[in-house]
Amino acid sequence: MIHVLAIITTKPGMRAKVLEMFHANMPAVHAEKGCIEYGPVVDTETSPAKFGPDTFVVVEKWETPADLKAHAAAPHMAAYAAKVKDMIANRAIHVLDPA
């Protein structure tokens, strides 16, 4: 199993709109082969360190690297990326192995 943390920072004030589109795409991702977990998280109010109001983190788990590679190439991911591209300021994707 591999883990992915995708840190997405939107342009100011765009997080809610991007998350709306993200949630609309989630059923297609959950149906993909090898998807164990895939969902967005945001700062809690009491978090001592914050990403901020324009950032969310996608927490993912995939059975294999091949499943993650197929996910990245999926047509619904390309469609989602095209819809949000002008609303995204930065994206950092970390692919991790269990320690």
PDB file of N, CA and C in Angstrom:
ATOM      1  N   MET A   1       0.840  -1.173   0.000  1.00  0.00           N
ATOM      2  CA  MET A   1       0.000   0.000   0.000  1.00  0.00           C
ATOM      3  C   MET A   1       0.887   1.239   0.000  1.00  0.00           C
ATOM      4  N   ILE A   2       0.447   2.268  -0.724  1.00  0.00           N
ATOM      5  CA  ILE A   2       1.147   3.545  -0.700  1.00  0.00           C
ATOM      6  C   ILE A   2       0.187   4.641  -0.255  1.00  0.00           C
ATOM      7  N   HIS A   3       0.747   5.680   0.298  1.00  0.00           N
ATOM      8  CA  HIS A   3      -0.017   6.810   0.796  1.00  0.00           C
ATOM      9  C   HIS A   3       0.339   8.035  -0.042  1.00  0.00           C
ATOM     10  N   VAL A   4      -0.626   8.917  -0.198  1.00  0.00           N
ATOM     11  CA  VAL A   4      -0.392  10.163  -0.913  1.00  0.00           C
ATOM     12  C   VAL A   4      -0.996  11.296  -0.089  1.00  0.00           C
ATOM     13  N   LEU A   5      -0.234  12.363   0.058  1.00  0.00           N
ATOM     14  CA  LEU A   5      -0.742  13.604   0.624  1.00  0.00           C
ATOM     15  C   LEU A   5      -0.564  14.662  -0.454  1.00  0.00           C
ATOM     16  N   ALA A   6      -1.670  15.191  -0.926  1.00  0.00           N
ATOM     17  CA  ALA A   6      -1.634  16.237  -1.939  1.00  0.00           C
ATOM     18  C   ALA A   6      -2.059  17.536  -1.269  1.00  0.00           C
ATOM     19  N   ILE A   7      -1.151  18.484  -1.197  1.00  0.00           N
ATOM     20  CA  ILE A   7      -1.426  19.768  -0.558  1.00  0.00           C
ATOM     21  C   ILE A   7      -1.792  20.749  -1.667  1.00  0.00           C
ATOM     22  N   ILE A   8      -3.053  21.154  -1.664  1.00  0.00           N
ATOM     23  CA  ILE A   8      -3.597  21.998  -2.722  1.00  0.00           C
ATOM     24  C   ILE A   8      -3.883  23.390  -2.158  1.00  0.00           C
ATOM     25  N   THR A   9      -3.294  24.394  -2.746  1.00  0.00           N
ATOM     26  CA  THR A   9      -3.568  25.771  -2.362  1.00  0.00           C
ATOM     27  C   THR A   9      -4.266  26.453  -3.531  1.00  0.00           C
ATOM     28  N   THR A  10      -5.445  26.968  -3.248  1.00  0.00           N
ATOM     29  CA  THR A  10      -6.210  27.643  -4.282  1.00  0.00           C
ATOM     30  C   THR A  10      -5.854  29.127  -4.312  1.00  0.00           C
ATOM     31  N   LYS A  11      -6.269  29.776  -5.349  1.00  0.00           N
ATOM     32  CA  LYS A  11      -6.172  31.230  -5.376  1.00  0.00           C
ATOM     33  C   LYS A  11      -7.112  31.764  -4.290  1.00  0.00           C
ATOM     34  N   PRO A  12      -6.838  32.945  -3.762  1.00  0.00           N
ATOM     35  CA  PRO A  12      -7.620  33.460  -2.641  1.00  0.00           C
ATOM     36  C   PRO A  12      -9.135  33.381  -2.866  1.00  0.00           C
ATOM     37  N   GLY A  13      -9.807  32.815  -1.865  1.00  0.00           N
ATOM     38  CA  GLY A  13     -11.259  32.719  -1.880  1.00  0.00           C
ATOM     39  C   GLY A  13     -11.851  31.629  -2.753  1.00  0.00           C
ATOM     40  N   MET A  14     -11.029  30.786  -3.356  1.00  0.00           N
ATOM     41  CA  MET A  14     -11.525  29.774  -4.300  1.00  0.00           C
ATOM     42  C   MET A  14     -11.640  28.372  -3.709  1.00  0.00           C
ATOM     43  N   ARG A  15     -11.237  28.177  -2.451  1.00  0.00           N
ATOM     44  CA  ARG A  15     -11.220  26.817  -1.899  1.00  0.00           C
ATOM     45  C   ARG A  15     -12.598  26.150  -1.929  1.00  0.00           C
ATOM     46  N   ALA A  16     -13.645  26.860  -1.540  1.00  0.00           N
ATOM     47  CA  ALA A  16     -14.979  26.250  -1.497  1.00  0.00           C
ATOM     48  C   ALA A  16     -15.415  25.780  -2.880  1.00  0.00           C
ATOM     49  N   LYS A  17     -15.156  26.564  -3.907  1.00  0.00           N
ATOM     50  CA  LYS A  17     -15.542  26.186  -5.271  1.00  0.00           C
ATOM     51  C   LYS A  17     -14.742  24.981  -5.745  1.00  0.00           C
ATOM     52  N   VAL A  18     -13.443  24.969  -5.469  1.00  0.00           N
ATOM     53  CA  VAL A  18     -12.620  23.818  -5.866  1.00  0.00           C
ATOM     54  C   VAL A  18     -13.078  22.567  -5.110  1.00  0.00           C
ATOM     55  N   LEU A  19     -13.354  22.704  -3.814  1.00  0.00           N
ATOM     56  CA  LEU A  19     -13.821  21.544  -3.042  1.00  0.00           C
ATOM     57  C   LEU A  19     -15.171  21.032  -3.551  1.00  0.00           C
ATOM     58  N   GLU A  20     -16.021  21.914  -4.009  1.00  0.00           N
ATOM     59  CA  GLU A  20     -17.301  21.492  -4.587  1.00  0.00           C
ATOM     60  C   GLU A  20     -17.060  20.594  -5.793  1.00  0.00           C
ATOM     61  N   MET A  21     -16.151  20.993  -6.657  1.00  0.00           N
ATOM     62  CA  MET A  21     -15.817  20.186  -7.839  1.00  0.00           C
ATOM     63  C   MET A  21     -15.083  18.906  -7.445  1.00  0.00           C
ATOM     64  N   PHE A  22     -14.238  19.004  -6.424  1.00  0.00           N
ATOM     65  CA  PHE A  22     -13.523  17.832  -5.926  1.00  0.00           C
ATOM     66  C   PHE A  22     -14.522  16.783  -5.446  1.00  0.00           C
ATOM     67  N   HIS A  23     -15.481  17.205  -4.626  1.00  0.00           N
ATOM     68  CA  HIS A  23     -16.490  16.273  -4.101  1.00  0.00           C
ATOM     69  C   HIS A  23     -17.310  15.641  -5.227  1.00  0.00           C
ATOM     70  N   ALA A  24     -17.595  16.392  -6.268  1.00  0.00           N
ATOM     71  CA  ALA A  24     -18.336  15.846  -7.403  1.00  0.00           C
ATOM     72  C   ALA A  24     -17.547  14.752  -8.120  1.00  0.00           C
ATOM     73  N   ASN A  25     -16.218  14.833  -8.065  1.00  0.00           N
ATOM     74  CA  ASN A  25     -15.354  13.857  -8.730  1.00  0.00           C
ATOM     75  C   ASN A  25     -15.063  12.627  -7.860  1.00  0.00           C
ATOM     76  N   MET A  26     -15.295  12.732  -6.570  1.00  0.00           N
ATOM     77  CA  MET A  26     -14.924  11.648  -5.649  1.00  0.00           C
ATOM     78  C   MET A  26     -15.552  10.291  -5.959  1.00  0.00           C
ATOM     79  N   PRO A  27     -16.840  10.193  -6.335  1.00  0.00           N
ATOM     80  CA  PRO A  27     -17.382   8.858  -6.619  1.00  0.00           C
ATOM     81  C   PRO A  27     -16.634   8.122  -7.723  1.00  0.00           C
ATOM     82  N   ALA A  28     -16.201   8.848  -8.742  1.00  0.00           N
ATOM     83  CA  ALA A  28     -15.438   8.209  -9.827  1.00  0.00           C
ATOM     84  C   ALA A  28     -14.100   7.708  -9.312  1.00  0.00           C
ATOM     85  N   VAL A  29     -13.463   8.472  -8.436  1.00  0.00           N
ATOM     86  CA  VAL A  29     -12.173   8.042  -7.880  1.00  0.00           C
ATOM     87  C   VAL A  29     -12.373   6.840  -6.968  1.00  0.00           C
ATOM     88  N   HIS A  30     -13.376   6.877  -6.127  1.00  0.00           N
ATOM     89  CA  HIS A  30     -13.621   5.752  -5.217  1.00  0.00           C
ATOM     90  C   HIS A  30     -13.904   4.458  -5.974  1.00  0.00           C
ATOM     91  N   ALA A  31     -14.405   4.567  -7.195  1.00  0.00           N
ATOM     92  CA  ALA A  31     -14.694   3.382  -8.012  1.00  0.00           C
ATOM     93  C   ALA A  31     -13.452   2.837  -8.718  1.00  0.00           C
ATOM     94  N   GLU A  32     -12.356   3.559  -8.677  1.00  0.00           N
ATOM     95  CA  GLU A  32     -11.135   3.118  -9.358  1.00  0.00           C
ATOM     96  C   GLU A  32     -10.541   1.890  -8.673  1.00  0.00           C
ATOM     97  N   LYS A  33      -9.896   1.060  -9.486  1.00  0.00           N
ATOM     98  CA  LYS A  33      -9.189  -0.108  -8.966  1.00  0.00           C
ATOM     99  C   LYS A  33      -8.088   0.354  -8.016  1.00  0.00           C
ATOM    100  N   GLY A  34      -8.049  -0.246  -6.842  1.00  0.00           N
ATOM    101  CA  GLY A  34      -6.967   0.009  -5.897  1.00  0.00           C
ATOM    102  C   GLY A  34      -7.160   1.185  -4.971  1.00  0.00           C
ATOM    103  N   CYS A  35      -8.260   1.925  -5.116  1.00  0.00           N
ATOM    104  CA  CYS A  35      -8.499   3.063  -4.230  1.00  0.00           C
ATOM    105  C   CYS A  35      -8.971   2.556  -2.872  1.00  0.00           C
ATOM    106  N   ILE A  36      -8.196   2.857  -1.850  1.00  0.00           N
ATOM    107  CA  ILE A  36      -8.544   2.477  -0.478  1.00  0.00           C
ATOM    108  C   ILE A  36      -9.149   3.670   0.251  1.00  0.00           C
ATOM    109  N   GLU A  37      -8.558   4.831   0.035  1.00  0.00           N
ATOM    110  CA  GLU A  37      -9.031   6.056   0.686  1.00  0.00           C
ATOM    111  C   GLU A  37      -8.713   7.241  -0.206  1.00  0.00           C
ATOM    112  N   TYR A  38      -9.628   8.199  -0.265  1.00  0.00           N
ATOM    113  CA  TYR A  38      -9.429   9.398  -1.077  1.00  0.00           C
ATOM    114  C   TYR A  38     -10.399  10.454  -0.597  1.00  0.00           C
ATOM    115  N   GLY A  39      -9.883  11.492   0.029  1.00  0.00           N
ATOM    116  CA  GLY A  39     -10.765  12.545   0.503  1.00  0.00           C
ATOM    117  C   GLY A  39     -10.002  13.758   0.975  1.00  0.00           C
ATOM    118  N   PRO A  40     -10.666  14.921   0.972  1.00  0.00           N
ATOM    119  CA  PRO A  40     -10.025  16.164   1.391  1.00  0.00           C
ATOM    120  C   PRO A  40     -10.194  16.424   2.877  1.00  0.00           C
ATOM    121  N   VAL A  41      -9.213  17.110   3.459  1.00  0.00           N
ATOM    122  CA  VAL A  41      -9.277  17.557   4.851  1.00  0.00           C
ATOM    123  C   VAL A  41      -8.791  19.004   4.909  1.00  0.00           C
ATOM    124  N   VAL A  42      -9.294  19.730   5.913  1.00  0.00           N
ATOM    125  CA  VAL A  42      -8.897  21.119   6.126  1.00  0.00           C
ATOM    126  C   VAL A  42      -8.504  21.303   7.587  1.00  0.00           C
ATOM    127  N   ASP A  43      -7.885  22.430   7.874  1.00  0.00           N
ATOM    128  CA  ASP A  43      -7.476  22.753   9.242  1.00  0.00           C
ATOM    129  C   ASP A  43      -8.657  22.712  10.200  1.00  0.00           C
ATOM    130  N   THR A  44      -8.413  22.202  11.400  1.00  0.00           N
ATOM    131  CA  THR A  44      -9.389  22.364  12.468  1.00  0.00           C
ATOM    132  C   THR A  44      -9.177  23.748  13.075  1.00  0.00           C
ATOM    133  N   GLU A  45     -10.188  24.250  13.740  1.00  0.00           N
ATOM    134  CA  GLU A  45     -10.055  25.577  14.359  1.00  0.00           C
ATOM    135  C   GLU A  45      -8.984  25.598  15.435  1.00  0.00           C
ATOM    136  N   THR A  46      -8.748  24.453  16.082  1.00  0.00           N
ATOM    137  CA  THR A  46      -7.803  24.409  17.196  1.00  0.00           C
ATOM    138  C   THR A  46      -6.411  23.929  16.794  1.00  0.00           C
ATOM    139  N   SER A  47      -6.185  23.719  15.508  1.00  0.00           N
ATOM    140  CA  SER A  47      -4.876  23.252  15.054  1.00  0.00           C
ATOM    141  C   SER A  47      -3.793  24.273  15.410  1.00  0.00           C
ATOM    142  N   PRO A  48      -2.687  23.824  16.018  1.00  0.00           N
ATOM    143  CA  PRO A  48      -1.618  24.761  16.372  1.00  0.00           C
ATOM    144  C   PRO A  48      -0.847  25.274  15.142  1.00  0.00           C
ATOM    145  N   ALA A  49      -0.832  24.514  14.068  1.00  0.00           N
ATOM    146  CA  ALA A  49      -0.183  24.928  12.824  1.00  0.00           C
ATOM    147  C   ALA A  49      -1.220  24.805  11.718  1.00  0.00           C
ATOM    148  N   LYS A  50      -1.389  25.844  10.951  1.00  0.00           N
ATOM    149  CA  LYS A  50      -2.444  25.851   9.940  1.00  0.00           C
ATOM    150  C   LYS A  50      -1.886  25.991   8.528  1.00  0.00           C
ATOM    151  N   PHE A  51      -2.544  25.301   7.603  1.00  0.00           N
ATOM    152  CA  PHE A  51      -2.254  25.492   6.187  1.00  0.00           C
ATOM    153  C   PHE A  51      -2.851  26.804   5.704  1.00  0.00           C
ATOM    154  N   GLY A  52      -4.004  27.172   6.243  1.00  0.00           N
ATOM    155  CA  GLY A  52      -4.638  28.431   5.893  1.00  0.00           C
ATOM    156  C   GLY A  52      -5.962  28.245   5.179  1.00  0.00           C
ATOM    157  N   PRO A  53      -6.702  29.351   4.984  1.00  0.00           N
ATOM    158  CA  PRO A  53      -8.067  29.281   4.460  1.00  0.00           C
ATOM    159  C   PRO A  53      -8.170  28.936   2.978  1.00  0.00           C
ATOM    160  N   ASP A  54      -7.073  28.945   2.261  1.00  0.00           N
ATOM    161  CA  ASP A  54      -7.113  28.634   0.835  1.00  0.00           C
ATOM    162  C   ASP A  54      -6.493  27.280   0.507  1.00  0.00           C
ATOM    163  N   THR A  55      -6.167  26.507   1.537  1.00  0.00           N
ATOM    164  CA  THR A  55      -5.489  25.226   1.328  1.00  0.00           C
ATOM    165  C   THR A  55      -6.308  24.072   1.877  1.00  0.00           C
ATOM    166  N   PHE A  56      -6.253  22.938   1.159  1.00  0.00           N
ATOM    167  CA  PHE A  56      -6.782  21.682   1.672  1.00  0.00           C
ATOM    168  C   PHE A  56      -5.793  20.581   1.327  1.00  0.00           C
ATOM    169  N   VAL A  57      -5.885  19.491   2.056  1.00  0.00           N
ATOM    170  CA  VAL A  57      -4.989  18.354   1.854  1.00  0.00           C
ATOM    171  C   VAL A  57      -5.830  17.152   1.445  1.00  0.00           C
ATOM    172  N   VAL A  58      -5.412  16.487   0.395  1.00  0.00           N
ATOM    173  CA  VAL A  58      -6.079  15.264  -0.040  1.00  0.00           C
ATOM    174  C   VAL A  58      -5.306  14.094   0.551  1.00  0.00           C
ATOM    175  N   VAL A  59      -6.007  13.256   1.321  1.00  0.00           N
ATOM    176  CA  VAL A  59      -5.413  12.073   1.933  1.00  0.00           C
ATOM    177  C   VAL A  59      -5.838  10.880   1.076  1.00  0.00           C
ATOM    178  N   GLU A  60      -4.844  10.174   0.559  1.00  0.00           N
ATOM    179  CA  GLU A  60      -5.114   9.048  -0.337  1.00  0.00           C
ATOM    180  C   GLU A  60      -4.355   7.808   0.115  1.00  0.00           C
ATOM    181  N   LYS A  61      -4.960   6.658  -0.135  1.00  0.00           N
ATOM    182  CA  LYS A  61      -4.284   5.373   0.020  1.00  0.00           C
ATOM    183  C   LYS A  61      -4.622   4.541  -1.211  1.00  0.00           C
ATOM    184  N   TRP A  62      -3.589   3.926  -1.780  1.00  0.00           N
ATOM    185  CA  TRP A  62      -3.732   3.104  -2.984  1.00  0.00           C
ATOM    186  C   TRP A  62      -3.067   1.754  -2.742  1.00  0.00           C
ATOM    187  N   GLU A  63      -3.639   0.720  -3.330  1.00  0.00           N
ATOM    188  CA  GLU A  63      -3.090  -0.634  -3.144  1.00  0.00           C
ATOM    189  C   GLU A  63      -1.696  -0.758  -3.738  1.00  0.00           C
ATOM    190  N   THR A  64      -1.478  -0.193  -4.934  1.00  0.00           N
ATOM    191  CA  THR A  64      -0.181  -0.346  -5.606  1.00  0.00           C
ATOM    192  C   THR A  64       0.213   0.956  -6.311  1.00  0.00           C
ATOM    193  N   PRO A  65       1.504   1.115  -6.606  1.00  0.00           N
ATOM    194  CA  PRO A  65       1.922   2.263  -7.418  1.00  0.00           C
ATOM    195  C   PRO A  65       1.247   2.286  -8.792  1.00  0.00           C
ATOM    196  N   ALA A  66       0.988   1.118  -9.360  1.00  0.00           N
ATOM    197  CA  ALA A  66       0.310   1.050 -10.664  1.00  0.00           C
ATOM    198  C   ALA A  66      -1.106   1.617 -10.569  1.00  0.00           C
ATOM    199  N   ASP A  67      -1.787   1.338  -9.454  1.00  0.00           N
ATOM    200  CA  ASP A  67      -3.133   1.889  -9.267  1.00  0.00           C
ATOM    201  C   ASP A  67      -3.084   3.411  -9.189  1.00  0.00           C
ATOM    202  N   LEU A  68      -2.101   3.955  -8.501  1.00  0.00           N
ATOM    203  CA  LEU A  68      -1.947   5.410  -8.407  1.00  0.00           C
ATOM    204  C   LEU A  68      -1.639   5.995  -9.779  1.00  0.00           C
ATOM    205  N   LYS A  69      -0.788   5.337 -10.541  1.00  0.00           N
ATOM    206  CA  LYS A  69      -0.446   5.806 -11.885  1.00  0.00           C
ATOM    207  C   LYS A  69      -1.684   5.830 -12.776  1.00  0.00           C
ATOM    208  N   ALA A  70      -2.511   4.795 -12.685  1.00  0.00           N
ATOM    209  CA  ALA A  70      -3.752   4.748 -13.473  1.00  0.00           C
ATOM    210  C   ALA A  70      -4.707   5.859 -13.036  1.00  0.00           C
ATOM    211  N   HIS A  71      -4.762   6.112 -11.734  1.00  0.00           N
ATOM    212  CA  HIS A  71      -5.597   7.193 -11.218  1.00  0.00           C
ATOM    213  C   HIS A  71      -5.181   8.530 -11.830  1.00  0.00           C
ATOM    214  N   ALA A  72      -3.894   8.796 -11.848  1.00  0.00           N
ATOM    215  CA  ALA A  72      -3.394  10.064 -12.374  1.00  0.00           C
ATOM    216  C   ALA A  72      -3.732  10.242 -13.854  1.00  0.00           C
ATOM    217  N   ALA A  73      -3.859   9.136 -14.579  1.00  0.00           N
ATOM    218  CA  ALA A  73      -4.138   9.189 -16.015  1.00  0.00           C
ATOM    219  C   ALA A  73      -5.622   9.034 -16.348  1.00  0.00           C
ATOM    220  N   ALA A  74      -6.469   8.886 -15.339  1.00  0.00           N
ATOM    221  CA  ALA A  74      -7.901   8.656 -15.572  1.00  0.00           C
ATOM    222  C   ALA A  74      -8.562   9.860 -16.233  1.00  0.00           C
ATOM    223  N   PRO A  75      -9.468   9.613 -17.177  1.00  0.00           N
ATOM    224  CA  PRO A  75     -10.149  10.720 -17.863  1.00  0.00           C
ATOM    225  C   PRO A  75     -10.888  11.668 -16.915  1.00  0.00           C
ATOM    226  N   HIS A  76     -11.484  11.129 -15.848  1.00  0.00           N
ATOM    227  CA  HIS A  76     -12.210  12.016 -14.924  1.00  0.00           C
ATOM    228  C   HIS A  76     -11.244  12.922 -14.158  1.00  0.00           C
ATOM    229  N   MET A  77     -10.010  12.482 -13.961  1.00  0.00           N
ATOM    230  CA  MET A  77      -9.025  13.350 -13.307  1.00  0.00           C
ATOM    231  C   MET A  77      -8.573  14.463 -14.257  1.00  0.00           C
ATOM    232  N   ALA A  78      -8.433  14.146 -15.530  1.00  0.00           N
ATOM    233  CA  ALA A  78      -8.083  15.177 -16.509  1.00  0.00           C
ATOM    234  C   ALA A  78      -9.201  16.209 -16.617  1.00  0.00           C
ATOM    235  N   ALA A  79     -10.441  15.751 -16.583  1.00  0.00           N
ATOM    236  CA  ALA A  79     -11.579  16.675 -16.658  1.00  0.00           C
ATOM    237  C   ALA A  79     -11.628  17.561 -15.422  1.00  0.00           C
ATOM    238  N   TYR A  80     -11.406  16.980 -14.238  1.00  0.00           N
ATOM    239  CA  TYR A  80     -11.382  17.762 -12.998  1.00  0.00           C
ATOM    240  C   TYR A  80     -10.254  18.798 -13.041  1.00  0.00           C
ATOM    241  N   ALA A  81      -9.071  18.378 -13.457  1.00  0.00           N
ATOM    242  CA  ALA A  81      -7.919  19.285 -13.524  1.00  0.00           C
ATOM    243  C   ALA A  81      -8.201  20.464 -14.461  1.00  0.00           C
ATOM    244  N   ALA A  82      -8.856  20.196 -15.573  1.00  0.00           N
ATOM    245  CA  ALA A  82      -9.173  21.265 -16.517  1.00  0.00           C
ATOM    246  C   ALA A  82     -10.164  22.260 -15.906  1.00  0.00           C
ATOM    247  N   LYS A  83     -11.104  21.762 -15.124  1.00  0.00           N
ATOM    248  CA  LYS A  83     -12.115  22.633 -14.508  1.00  0.00           C
ATOM    249  C   LYS A  83     -11.514  23.551 -13.451  1.00  0.00           C
ATOM    250  N   VAL A  84     -10.521  23.065 -12.714  1.00  0.00           N
ATOM    251  CA  VAL A  84      -9.998  23.838 -11.576  1.00  0.00           C
ATOM    252  C   VAL A  84      -8.661  24.535 -11.850  1.00  0.00           C
ATOM    253  N   LYS A  85      -8.071  24.308 -12.997  1.00  0.00           N
ATOM    254  CA  LYS A  85      -6.703  24.790 -13.241  1.00  0.00           C
ATOM    255  C   LYS A  85      -6.533  26.283 -13.004  1.00  0.00           C
ATOM    256  N   ASP A  86      -7.512  27.098 -13.347  1.00  0.00           N
ATOM    257  CA  ASP A  86      -7.378  28.537 -13.171  1.00  0.00           C
ATOM    258  C   ASP A  86      -7.655  28.989 -11.737  1.00  0.00           C
ATOM    259  N   MET A  87      -8.060  28.050 -10.883  1.00  0.00           N
ATOM    260  CA  MET A  87      -8.353  28.373  -9.484  1.00  0.00           C
ATOM    261  C   MET A  87      -7.259  27.900  -8.531  1.00  0.00           C
ATOM    262  N   ILE A  88      -6.261  27.186  -9.048  1.00  0.00           N
ATOM    263  CA  ILE A  88      -5.204  26.598  -8.226  1.00  0.00           C
ATOM    264  C   ILE A  88      -3.955  27.482  -8.257  1.00  0.00           C
ATOM    265  N   ALA A  89      -3.438  27.797  -7.063  1.00  0.00           N
ATOM    266  CA  ALA A  89      -2.202  28.583  -6.960  1.00  0.00           C
ATOM    267  C   ALA A  89      -0.982  27.677  -6.849  1.00  0.00           C
ATOM    268  N   ASN A  90      -1.124  26.548  -6.133  1.00  0.00           N
ATOM    269  CA  ASN A  90       0.008  25.646  -5.934  1.00  0.00           C
ATOM    270  C   ASN A  90      -0.497  24.256  -5.575  1.00  0.00           C
ATOM    271  N   ARG A  91       0.304  23.275  -5.941  1.00  0.00           N
ATOM    272  CA  ARG A  91      -0.033  21.883  -5.643  1.00  0.00           C
ATOM    273  C   ARG A  91       1.262  21.134  -5.361  1.00  0.00           C
ATOM    274  N   ALA A  92       1.306  20.455  -4.230  1.00  0.00           N
ATOM    275  CA  ALA A  92       2.473  19.629  -3.876  1.00  0.00           C
ATOM    276  C   ALA A  92       1.965  18.234  -3.560  1.00  0.00           C
ATOM    277  N   ILE A  93       2.495  17.237  -4.253  1.00  0.00           N
ATOM    278  CA  ILE A  93       2.036  15.859  -4.066  1.00  0.00           C
ATOM    279  C   ILE A  93       3.178  15.047  -3.470  1.00  0.00           C
ATOM    280  N   HIS A  94       2.896  14.406  -2.343  1.00  0.00           N
ATOM    281  CA  HIS A  94       3.881  13.578  -1.649  1.00  0.00           C
ATOM    282  C   HIS A  94       3.397  12.131  -1.700  1.00  0.00           C
ATOM    283  N   VAL A  95       4.182  11.261  -2.312  1.00  0.00           N
ATOM    284  CA  VAL A  95       3.885   9.833  -2.386  1.00  0.00           C
ATOM    285  C   VAL A  95       4.761   9.144  -1.366  1.00  0.00           C
ATOM    286  N   LEU A  96       4.143   8.407  -0.438  1.00  0.00           N
ATOM    287  CA  LEU A  96       4.840   7.877   0.737  1.00  0.00           C
ATOM    288  C   LEU A  96       4.613   6.383   0.920  1.00  0.00           C
ATOM    289  N   ASP A  97       5.611   5.720   1.460  1.00  0.00           N
ATOM    290  CA  ASP A  97       5.501   4.324   1.877  1.00  0.00           C
ATOM    291  C   ASP A  97       5.249   4.277   3.383  1.00  0.00           C
ATOM    292  N   PRO A  98       4.533   3.262   3.857  1.00  0.00           N
ATOM    293  CA  PRO A  98       4.419   3.093   5.308  1.00  0.00           C
ATOM    294  C   PRO A  98       5.805   2.904   5.926  1.00  0.00           C
ATOM    295  N   ALA A  99       6.021   3.440   7.094  1.00  0.00           N
ATOM    296  CA  ALA A  99       7.325   3.323   7.761  1.00  0.00           C
ATOM    297  C   ALA A  99       7.346   2.135   8.706  1.00  0.00           C
TER     298      ALA A  99
END
